[in-house]
Amino acid sequence: MEKDIILSMGIESSCDETSVAIVKNGREVLSNVIDTQIPIHEKYGGVVPEIASRNHIEAISRVAKKALEEAKVELKNIDVITPTYGPGLVGALLVGLSYAKALSFANNIPFVGVNHIQGHIASNYLTYKELEPPFLCIMMSGGNTQIIHVKAYTEFEVLGKTRDDAIR
């Protein structure tokens, strides 16, 4: 790979989907593999945390391998591993974090945890390549709705939020 290219491996396991993406220079998705658990949890009427955690354990290695294959890169080419560290279901998060830490340690690849909510904001940079802070953002995820002033890439001010439900 060219020297000025930075490849990130994002790992998401905050609820009921195991996802691994390979992203080039923070703006181009080379692969995004998602293993969903929706059919598993439907019969319970919602996500069962223990079942979600167990399914993440079964899926994580397969999903990561497939993401690398689809991106046509090897783990040795990855510059940083960026898992979700929260908020989310504790057991589910632990699976992604533990996997990411093990990959990071075993392969001497830097590890940078990502806040799930800030990850939603940053995903706009993938769709809108010209987007740069400052801007206002309405973020809706799970039971959250927030109006956020994005002052800089890593500087945020929550202007308003719901207490316990997302607007629809």
N, C-alpha and C. Protein backbone atom coordinates (compact mmCIF):
# COMPACT_ATOMS: atom_id res chain seq x y z
N MET A 1 0.84 -1.19 0.00
CA MET A 1 0.00 0.00 0.00
C MET A 1 0.88 1.25 0.00
N GLU A 2 0.35 2.32 -0.56
CA GLU A 2 1.08 3.57 -0.60
C GLU A 2 1.30 4.10 0.82
N LYS A 3 2.39 4.82 1.01
CA LYS A 3 2.77 5.27 2.35
C LYS A 3 1.78 6.28 2.94
N ASP A 4 1.16 7.13 2.14
CA ASP A 4 0.28 8.17 2.67
C ASP A 4 -1.16 7.68 2.89
N ILE A 5 -1.40 6.40 2.69
CA ILE A 5 -2.71 5.83 2.93
C ILE A 5 -2.79 5.27 4.34
N ILE A 6 -3.87 5.60 5.04
CA ILE A 6 -4.10 5.07 6.38
C ILE A 6 -5.33 4.17 6.31
N LEU A 7 -5.15 2.92 6.72
CA LEU A 7 -6.25 1.97 6.74
C LEU A 7 -6.70 1.71 8.17
N SER A 8 -7.98 1.91 8.41
CA SER A 8 -8.58 1.67 9.73
C SER A 8 -9.46 0.43 9.66
N MET A 9 -9.45 -0.34 10.75
CA MET A 9 -10.39 -1.45 10.90
C MET A 9 -11.35 -1.06 12.01
N GLY A 10 -12.58 -0.74 11.62
CA GLY A 10 -13.60 -0.40 12.60
C GLY A 10 -14.35 -1.65 13.02
N ILE A 11 -14.58 -1.80 14.31
CA ILE A 11 -15.29 -2.97 14.84
C ILE A 11 -16.47 -2.47 15.67
N GLU A 12 -17.68 -2.90 15.30
CA GLU A 12 -18.89 -2.47 15.98
C GLU A 12 -19.62 -3.67 16.55
N SER A 13 -19.87 -3.64 17.86
CA SER A 13 -20.60 -4.73 18.53
C SER A 13 -21.41 -4.20 19.71
N SER A 14 -21.98 -3.02 19.56
CA SER A 14 -22.64 -2.38 20.70
C SER A 14 -24.02 -2.93 21.03
N CYS A 15 -24.65 -3.65 20.09
CA CYS A 15 -25.99 -4.17 20.36
C CYS A 15 -26.16 -5.54 19.73
N ASP A 16 -26.87 -5.62 18.62
CA ASP A 16 -27.20 -6.93 18.05
C ASP A 16 -26.65 -7.16 16.64
N GLU A 17 -25.71 -6.37 16.23
CA GLU A 17 -25.06 -6.60 14.94
C GLU A 17 -23.55 -6.56 15.14
N THR A 18 -22.89 -7.54 14.52
CA THR A 18 -21.43 -7.58 14.53
C THR A 18 -20.99 -7.02 13.19
N SER A 19 -20.20 -5.96 13.21
CA SER A 19 -19.79 -5.34 11.96
C SER A 19 -18.31 -5.01 12.00
N VAL A 20 -17.65 -5.23 10.88
CA VAL A 20 -16.26 -4.82 10.72
C VAL A 20 -16.15 -4.12 9.37
N ALA A 21 -15.53 -2.95 9.38
CA ALA A 21 -15.33 -2.18 8.16
C ALA A 21 -13.85 -1.84 8.02
N ILE A 22 -13.40 -1.80 6.80
CA ILE A 22 -12.06 -1.32 6.49
C ILE A 22 -12.23 0.01 5.77
N VAL A 23 -11.63 1.06 6.32
CA VAL A 23 -11.81 2.41 5.80
C VAL A 23 -10.45 3.01 5.45
N LYS A 24 -10.40 3.61 4.27
CA LYS A 24 -9.18 4.24 3.76
C LYS A 24 -9.23 5.75 4.01
N ASN A 25 -8.23 6.24 4.70
CA ASN A 25 -8.07 7.67 4.97
C ASN A 25 -9.30 8.32 5.60
N GLY A 26 -10.06 7.55 6.36
CA GLY A 26 -11.20 8.09 7.08
C GLY A 26 -12.37 8.52 6.23
N ARG A 27 -12.30 8.31 4.91
CA ARG A 27 -13.37 8.80 4.04
C ARG A 27 -13.87 7.80 3.00
N GLU A 28 -13.18 6.69 2.83
CA GLU A 28 -13.57 5.73 1.79
C GLU A 28 -13.71 4.33 2.39
N VAL A 29 -14.92 3.77 2.31
CA VAL A 29 -15.17 2.43 2.83
C VAL A 29 -14.74 1.41 1.79
N LEU A 30 -13.76 0.58 2.15
CA LEU A 30 -13.30 -0.48 1.26
C LEU A 30 -14.13 -1.75 1.45
N SER A 31 -14.62 -1.96 2.65
CA SER A 31 -15.53 -3.08 2.93
C SER A 31 -16.30 -2.77 4.20
N ASN A 32 -17.49 -3.36 4.30
CA ASN A 32 -18.32 -3.22 5.49
C ASN A 32 -19.16 -4.49 5.60
N VAL A 33 -18.76 -5.37 6.48
CA VAL A 33 -19.44 -6.66 6.63
C VAL A 33 -20.27 -6.62 7.91
N ILE A 34 -21.55 -6.96 7.78
CA ILE A 34 -22.47 -6.92 8.92
C ILE A 34 -23.11 -8.29 9.10
N ASP A 35 -23.04 -8.80 10.31
CA ASP A 35 -23.74 -10.02 10.69
C ASP A 35 -24.86 -9.60 11.62
N THR A 36 -26.09 -9.66 11.15
CA THR A 36 -27.22 -9.19 11.94
C THR A 36 -27.83 -10.31 12.77
N GLN A 37 -28.35 -9.94 13.91
CA GLN A 37 -29.03 -10.89 14.80
C GLN A 37 -30.53 -10.63 14.86
N ILE A 38 -31.05 -9.79 14.00
CA ILE A 38 -32.47 -9.43 14.06
C ILE A 38 -33.37 -10.67 14.08
N PRO A 39 -33.17 -11.65 13.19
CA PRO A 39 -34.05 -12.83 13.22
C PRO A 39 -33.98 -13.61 14.54
N ILE A 40 -32.84 -13.60 15.18
CA ILE A 40 -32.66 -14.32 16.44
C ILE A 40 -33.49 -13.69 17.55
N HIS A 41 -33.51 -12.35 17.60
CA HIS A 41 -34.17 -11.63 18.69
C HIS A 41 -35.65 -11.35 18.44
N GLU A 42 -36.12 -11.50 17.20
CA GLU A 42 -37.52 -11.19 16.88
C GLU A 42 -38.50 -11.96 17.75
N LYS A 43 -38.20 -13.23 18.01
CA LYS A 43 -39.16 -14.03 18.79
C LYS A 43 -39.26 -13.59 20.24
N TYR A 44 -38.31 -12.76 20.72
CA TYR A 44 -38.34 -12.25 22.09
C TYR A 44 -38.93 -10.85 22.17
N GLY A 45 -39.18 -10.23 21.03
CA GLY A 45 -39.74 -8.89 21.01
C GLY A 45 -38.73 -7.81 21.29
N GLY A 46 -37.46 -8.14 21.26
CA GLY A 46 -36.38 -7.16 21.48
C GLY A 46 -35.08 -7.89 21.71
N VAL A 47 -34.02 -7.14 21.83
CA VAL A 47 -32.69 -7.71 21.97
C VAL A 47 -32.50 -8.27 23.38
N VAL A 48 -32.04 -9.52 23.45
CA VAL A 48 -31.71 -10.16 24.72
C VAL A 48 -30.18 -10.06 24.86
N PRO A 49 -29.70 -9.26 25.81
CA PRO A 49 -28.26 -8.99 25.90
C PRO A 49 -27.36 -10.23 25.94
N GLU A 50 -27.69 -11.23 26.72
CA GLU A 50 -26.85 -12.43 26.81
C GLU A 50 -26.78 -13.18 25.48
N ILE A 51 -27.90 -13.27 24.80
CA ILE A 51 -27.92 -13.94 23.49
C ILE A 51 -27.10 -13.12 22.48
N ALA A 52 -27.24 -11.80 22.55
CA ALA A 52 -26.47 -10.94 21.64
C ALA A 52 -24.97 -11.15 21.84
N SER A 53 -24.52 -11.18 23.09
CA SER A 53 -23.09 -11.36 23.39
C SER A 53 -22.58 -12.67 22.84
N ARG A 54 -23.32 -13.74 23.06
CA ARG A 54 -22.90 -15.06 22.59
C ARG A 54 -22.81 -15.10 21.07
N ASN A 55 -23.74 -14.44 20.38
CA ASN A 55 -23.70 -14.42 18.93
C ASN A 55 -22.55 -13.57 18.39
N HIS A 56 -22.20 -12.50 19.10
CA HIS A 56 -21.02 -11.72 18.71
C HIS A 56 -19.77 -12.60 18.77
N ILE A 57 -19.65 -13.40 19.82
CA ILE A 57 -18.49 -14.29 19.97
C ILE A 57 -18.39 -15.23 18.77
N GLU A 58 -19.51 -15.76 18.34
CA GLU A 58 -19.52 -16.69 17.21
C GLU A 58 -19.21 -16.00 15.89
N ALA A 59 -19.55 -14.74 15.75
CA ALA A 59 -19.44 -14.05 14.46
C ALA A 59 -18.17 -13.24 14.25
N ILE A 60 -17.57 -12.72 15.31
CA ILE A 60 -16.55 -11.68 15.18
C ILE A 60 -15.36 -12.06 14.28
N SER A 61 -14.79 -13.23 14.48
CA SER A 61 -13.63 -13.62 13.68
C SER A 61 -13.99 -13.78 12.21
N ARG A 62 -15.13 -14.40 11.94
CA ARG A 62 -15.59 -14.61 10.56
C ARG A 62 -15.84 -13.27 9.87
N VAL A 63 -16.49 -12.36 10.57
CA VAL A 63 -16.81 -11.06 10.00
C VAL A 63 -15.54 -10.26 9.71
N ALA A 64 -14.58 -10.28 10.64
CA ALA A 64 -13.32 -9.56 10.43
C ALA A 64 -12.55 -10.12 9.24
N LYS A 65 -12.49 -11.43 9.15
CA LYS A 65 -11.78 -12.08 8.03
C LYS A 65 -12.43 -11.70 6.70
N LYS A 66 -13.76 -11.74 6.65
CA LYS A 66 -14.47 -11.40 5.42
C LYS A 66 -14.26 -9.92 5.04
N ALA A 67 -14.23 -9.04 6.05
CA ALA A 67 -14.01 -7.61 5.77
C ALA A 67 -12.63 -7.38 5.15
N LEU A 68 -11.61 -8.05 5.69
CA LEU A 68 -10.27 -7.94 5.11
C LEU A 68 -10.24 -8.47 3.68
N GLU A 69 -10.88 -9.61 3.45
CA GLU A 69 -10.93 -10.21 2.11
C GLU A 69 -11.62 -9.29 1.12
N GLU A 70 -12.78 -8.74 1.51
CA GLU A 70 -13.52 -7.86 0.60
C GLU A 70 -12.76 -6.57 0.30
N ALA A 71 -11.98 -6.10 1.26
CA ALA A 71 -11.19 -4.88 1.06
C ALA A 71 -9.90 -5.18 0.28
N LYS A 72 -9.60 -6.47 0.13
CA LYS A 72 -8.38 -6.90 -0.55
C LYS A 72 -7.13 -6.37 0.15
N VAL A 73 -7.14 -6.46 1.49
CA VAL A 73 -5.98 -6.08 2.30
C VAL A 73 -5.72 -7.17 3.32
N GLU A 74 -4.51 -7.18 3.84
CA GLU A 74 -4.15 -8.12 4.90
C GLU A 74 -4.08 -7.36 6.21
N LEU A 75 -4.20 -8.10 7.30
CA LEU A 75 -4.15 -7.48 8.62
C LEU A 75 -2.88 -6.66 8.80
N LYS A 76 -1.77 -7.10 8.25
CA LYS A 76 -0.49 -6.39 8.39
C LYS A 76 -0.53 -5.00 7.74
N ASN A 77 -1.53 -4.76 6.85
CA ASN A 77 -1.67 -3.45 6.21
C ASN A 77 -2.49 -2.47 7.03
N ILE A 78 -3.16 -2.97 8.06
CA ILE A 78 -4.03 -2.12 8.88
C ILE A 78 -3.16 -1.23 9.78
N ASP A 79 -3.48 0.08 9.79
CA ASP A 79 -2.71 1.05 10.57
C ASP A 79 -3.28 1.31 11.96
N VAL A 80 -4.59 1.11 12.12
CA VAL A 80 -5.23 1.37 13.41
C VAL A 80 -6.50 0.53 13.52
N ILE A 81 -6.77 0.02 14.71
CA ILE A 81 -7.98 -0.75 14.99
C ILE A 81 -8.86 0.11 15.88
N THR A 82 -10.12 0.32 15.45
CA THR A 82 -10.98 1.30 16.11
C THR A 82 -12.33 0.69 16.49
N PRO A 83 -12.40 0.02 17.64
CA PRO A 83 -13.67 -0.57 18.06
C PRO A 83 -14.55 0.42 18.82
N THR A 84 -15.84 0.13 18.81
CA THR A 84 -16.78 0.88 19.64
C THR A 84 -16.54 0.51 21.11
N TYR A 85 -16.42 1.53 21.98
CA TYR A 85 -16.22 1.25 23.41
C TYR A 85 -17.47 1.59 24.23
N GLY A 86 -18.45 2.21 23.63
CA GLY A 86 -19.68 2.53 24.33
C GLY A 86 -20.33 3.74 23.69
N PRO A 87 -21.53 4.06 24.01
CA PRO A 87 -22.44 3.29 24.83
C PRO A 87 -22.98 2.08 24.09
N GLY A 88 -23.56 1.15 24.86
CA GLY A 88 -24.13 -0.06 24.29
C GLY A 88 -24.31 -1.12 25.35
N LEU A 89 -24.62 -2.32 24.92
CA LEU A 89 -24.78 -3.45 25.84
C LEU A 89 -23.40 -3.90 26.30
N VAL A 90 -23.19 -3.97 27.60
CA VAL A 90 -21.86 -4.23 28.16
C VAL A 90 -21.25 -5.52 27.61
N GLY A 91 -21.98 -6.62 27.65
CA GLY A 91 -21.45 -7.89 27.18
C GLY A 91 -21.11 -7.87 25.70
N ALA A 92 -21.97 -7.26 24.90
CA ALA A 92 -21.74 -7.15 23.46
C ALA A 92 -20.49 -6.29 23.18
N LEU A 93 -20.38 -5.17 23.88
CA LEU A 93 -19.21 -4.31 23.72
C LEU A 93 -17.91 -5.04 24.10
N LEU A 94 -17.97 -5.83 25.16
CA LEU A 94 -16.77 -6.55 25.61
C LEU A 94 -16.25 -7.51 24.55
N VAL A 95 -17.14 -8.10 23.77
CA VAL A 95 -16.70 -9.01 22.72
C VAL A 95 -15.88 -8.25 21.67
N GLY A 96 -16.42 -7.14 21.16
CA GLY A 96 -15.71 -6.36 20.15
C GLY A 96 -14.43 -5.76 20.69
N LEU A 97 -14.49 -5.22 21.91
CA LEU A 97 -13.29 -4.62 22.51
C LEU A 97 -12.20 -5.65 22.76
N SER A 98 -12.58 -6.80 23.28
CA SER A 98 -11.60 -7.86 23.57
C SER A 98 -10.95 -8.36 22.29
N TYR A 99 -11.76 -8.55 21.27
CA TYR A 99 -11.23 -9.00 19.98
C TYR A 99 -10.27 -7.95 19.41
N ALA A 100 -10.68 -6.69 19.45
CA ALA A 100 -9.85 -5.60 18.93
C ALA A 100 -8.54 -5.47 19.71
N LYS A 101 -8.62 -5.55 21.02
CA LYS A 101 -7.41 -5.45 21.84
C LYS A 101 -6.46 -6.61 21.56
N ALA A 102 -6.99 -7.80 21.37
CA ALA A 102 -6.14 -8.96 21.07
C ALA A 102 -5.46 -8.78 19.71
N LEU A 103 -6.21 -8.35 18.70
CA LEU A 103 -5.62 -8.10 17.38
C LEU A 103 -4.55 -7.02 17.46
N SER A 104 -4.86 -5.97 18.18
CA SER A 104 -3.94 -4.85 18.34
C SER A 104 -2.64 -5.30 19.00
N PHE A 105 -2.76 -5.99 20.11
CA PHE A 105 -1.59 -6.43 20.87
C PHE A 105 -0.76 -7.44 20.08
N ALA A 106 -1.42 -8.44 19.52
CA ALA A 106 -0.72 -9.52 18.83
C ALA A 106 -0.02 -9.06 17.56
N ASN A 107 -0.54 -7.99 16.94
CA ASN A 107 0.01 -7.53 15.66
C ASN A 107 0.67 -6.16 15.75
N ASN A 108 0.80 -5.64 16.97
CA ASN A 108 1.44 -4.34 17.18
C ASN A 108 0.80 -3.24 16.33
N ILE A 109 -0.53 -3.21 16.36
CA ILE A 109 -1.30 -2.21 15.62
C ILE A 109 -1.95 -1.28 16.65
N PRO A 110 -1.84 0.03 16.47
CA PRO A 110 -2.46 0.96 17.43
C PRO A 110 -3.97 0.70 17.59
N PHE A 111 -4.45 0.94 18.81
CA PHE A 111 -5.84 0.73 19.21
C PHE A 111 -6.42 2.07 19.63
N VAL A 112 -7.55 2.45 19.04
CA VAL A 112 -8.22 3.70 19.41
C VAL A 112 -9.71 3.41 19.56
N GLY A 113 -10.21 3.44 20.80
CA GLY A 113 -11.63 3.22 21.04
C GLY A 113 -12.46 4.37 20.51
N VAL A 114 -13.67 4.04 20.04
CA VAL A 114 -14.55 5.05 19.44
C VAL A 114 -15.88 5.07 20.19
N ASN A 115 -16.32 6.26 20.55
CA ASN A 115 -17.63 6.45 21.15
C ASN A 115 -18.69 6.20 20.07
N HIS A 116 -19.65 5.35 20.37
CA HIS A 116 -20.67 4.96 19.40
C HIS A 116 -21.41 6.18 18.83
N ILE A 117 -21.77 7.11 19.68
CA ILE A 117 -22.51 8.30 19.24
C ILE A 117 -21.64 9.16 18.33
N GLN A 118 -20.39 9.37 18.71
CA GLN A 118 -19.48 10.15 17.87
C GLN A 118 -19.20 9.44 16.55
N GLY A 119 -19.25 8.10 16.57
CA GLY A 119 -19.11 7.34 15.33
C GLY A 119 -20.24 7.62 14.36
N HIS A 120 -21.46 7.77 14.89
CA HIS A 120 -22.58 8.14 14.02
C HIS A 120 -22.33 9.49 13.36
N ILE A 121 -21.81 10.42 14.12
CA ILE A 121 -21.52 11.75 13.56
C ILE A 121 -20.45 11.62 12.48
N ALA A 122 -19.38 10.89 12.79
CA ALA A 122 -18.26 10.76 11.85
C ALA A 122 -18.67 10.03 10.57
N SER A 123 -19.70 9.20 10.64
CA SER A 123 -20.12 8.47 9.43
C SER A 123 -20.57 9.42 8.32
N ASN A 124 -20.94 10.63 8.68
CA ASN A 124 -21.31 11.63 7.67
C ASN A 124 -20.14 11.95 6.74
N TYR A 125 -18.93 11.83 7.24
CA TYR A 125 -17.75 12.13 6.42
C TYR A 125 -17.56 11.11 5.31
N LEU A 126 -18.15 9.92 5.48
CA LEU A 126 -18.06 8.89 4.44
C LEU A 126 -19.00 9.21 3.27
N THR A 127 -20.17 9.72 3.60
CA THR A 127 -21.16 10.04 2.58
C THR A 127 -20.90 11.40 1.93
N TYR A 128 -20.48 12.37 2.75
CA TYR A 128 -20.27 13.74 2.28
C TYR A 128 -18.78 14.06 2.39
N LYS A 129 -18.04 13.68 1.38
CA LYS A 129 -16.57 13.77 1.42
C LYS A 129 -16.06 15.20 1.63
N GLU A 130 -16.86 16.18 1.23
CA GLU A 130 -16.44 17.58 1.37
C GLU A 130 -16.79 18.16 2.74
N LEU A 131 -17.55 17.44 3.54
CA LEU A 131 -18.00 17.93 4.85
C LEU A 131 -16.84 18.12 5.81
N GLU A 132 -16.84 19.30 6.42
CA GLU A 132 -15.85 19.62 7.45
C GLU A 132 -16.55 20.42 8.54
N PRO A 133 -16.11 20.26 9.78
CA PRO A 133 -16.69 21.07 10.86
C PRO A 133 -16.37 22.54 10.63
N PRO A 134 -17.15 23.42 11.17
CA PRO A 134 -18.27 23.22 12.09
C PRO A 134 -19.59 22.98 11.34
N PHE A 135 -20.51 22.25 12.00
CA PHE A 135 -21.86 22.05 11.47
C PHE A 135 -22.75 21.56 12.61
N LEU A 136 -24.07 21.62 12.38
CA LEU A 136 -25.05 21.08 13.33
C LEU A 136 -25.45 19.69 12.86
N CYS A 137 -25.69 18.82 13.81
CA CYS A 137 -26.03 17.44 13.50
C CYS A 137 -27.18 16.98 14.38
N ILE A 138 -28.16 16.30 13.78
CA ILE A 138 -29.19 15.64 14.57
C ILE A 138 -28.85 14.15 14.53
N MET A 139 -28.57 13.60 15.71
CA MET A 139 -28.13 12.22 15.82
C MET A 139 -29.25 11.41 16.47
N MET A 140 -29.68 10.33 15.79
CA MET A 140 -30.70 9.44 16.33
C MET A 140 -30.16 8.02 16.29
N SER A 141 -30.08 7.38 17.44
CA SER A 141 -29.57 6.01 17.52
C SER A 141 -30.19 5.33 18.74
N GLY A 142 -30.79 4.18 18.52
CA GLY A 142 -31.41 3.47 19.64
C GLY A 142 -32.40 4.37 20.36
N GLY A 143 -32.21 4.54 21.65
CA GLY A 143 -33.09 5.38 22.44
C GLY A 143 -32.58 6.79 22.59
N ASN A 144 -31.72 7.22 21.68
CA ASN A 144 -31.11 8.55 21.78
C ASN A 144 -31.52 9.46 20.63
N THR A 145 -31.75 10.70 20.95
CA THR A 145 -31.81 11.76 19.95
C THR A 145 -31.05 12.94 20.54
N GLN A 146 -30.12 13.48 19.76
CA GLN A 146 -29.33 14.61 20.22
C GLN A 146 -29.16 15.62 19.09
N ILE A 147 -29.19 16.88 19.45
CA ILE A 147 -28.81 17.95 18.53
C ILE A 147 -27.42 18.38 18.96
N ILE A 148 -26.46 18.26 18.06
CA ILE A 148 -25.06 18.45 18.42
C ILE A 148 -24.41 19.49 17.52
N HIS A 149 -23.69 20.40 18.16
CA HIS A 149 -22.85 21.33 17.42
C HIS A 149 -21.49 20.66 17.29
N VAL A 150 -21.13 20.29 16.07
CA VAL A 150 -19.83 19.69 15.80
C VAL A 150 -18.88 20.85 15.54
N LYS A 151 -18.07 21.18 16.54
CA LYS A 151 -17.18 22.33 16.46
C LYS A 151 -15.89 22.01 15.70
N ALA A 152 -15.40 20.80 15.90
CA ALA A 152 -14.19 20.32 15.24
C ALA A 152 -14.32 18.80 15.14
N TYR A 153 -13.39 18.14 14.49
CA TYR A 153 -13.51 16.69 14.30
C TYR A 153 -13.66 15.92 15.61
N THR A 154 -13.10 16.43 16.68
CA THR A 154 -13.21 15.73 17.97
C THR A 154 -13.76 16.64 19.08
N GLU A 155 -14.44 17.70 18.70
CA GLU A 155 -15.01 18.62 19.69
C GLU A 155 -16.51 18.80 19.41
N PHE A 156 -17.33 18.41 20.41
CA PHE A 156 -18.77 18.39 20.25
C PHE A 156 -19.45 19.10 21.41
N GLU A 157 -20.57 19.76 21.12
CA GLU A 157 -21.39 20.34 22.17
C GLU A 157 -22.83 19.88 21.97
N VAL A 158 -23.37 19.17 22.94
CA VAL A 158 -24.75 18.71 22.87
C VAL A 158 -25.64 19.91 23.22
N LEU A 159 -26.47 20.32 22.25
CA LEU A 159 -27.35 21.47 22.45
C LEU A 159 -28.70 21.05 23.02
N GLY A 160 -29.09 19.82 22.75
CA GLY A 160 -30.36 19.31 23.27
C GLY A 160 -30.42 17.81 23.06
N LYS A 161 -31.20 17.12 23.93
CA LYS A 161 -31.32 15.67 23.79
C LYS A 161 -32.59 15.20 24.47
N THR A 162 -33.05 14.02 24.05
CA THR A 162 -34.18 13.39 24.71
C THR A 162 -33.66 12.68 25.95
N ARG A 163 -34.55 12.43 26.90
CA ARG A 163 -34.13 11.76 28.14
C ARG A 163 -34.13 10.25 27.99
N ASP A 164 -35.14 9.69 27.34
CA ASP A 164 -35.24 8.24 27.32
C ASP A 164 -35.85 7.65 26.06
N ASP A 165 -35.94 8.43 25.00
CA ASP A 165 -36.55 7.91 23.79
C ASP A 165 -36.02 8.68 22.59
N ALA A 166 -36.05 8.01 21.45
CA ALA A 166 -35.65 8.65 20.21
C ALA A 166 -36.87 9.24 19.51
N ILE A 167 -36.70 10.39 18.87
CA ILE A 167 -37.80 10.93 18.08
C ILE A 167 -37.91 10.10 16.81
N ARG A 168 -39.07 10.05 16.26
CA ARG A 168 -39.28 9.24 15.04
C ARG A 168 -40.02 10.07 14.03
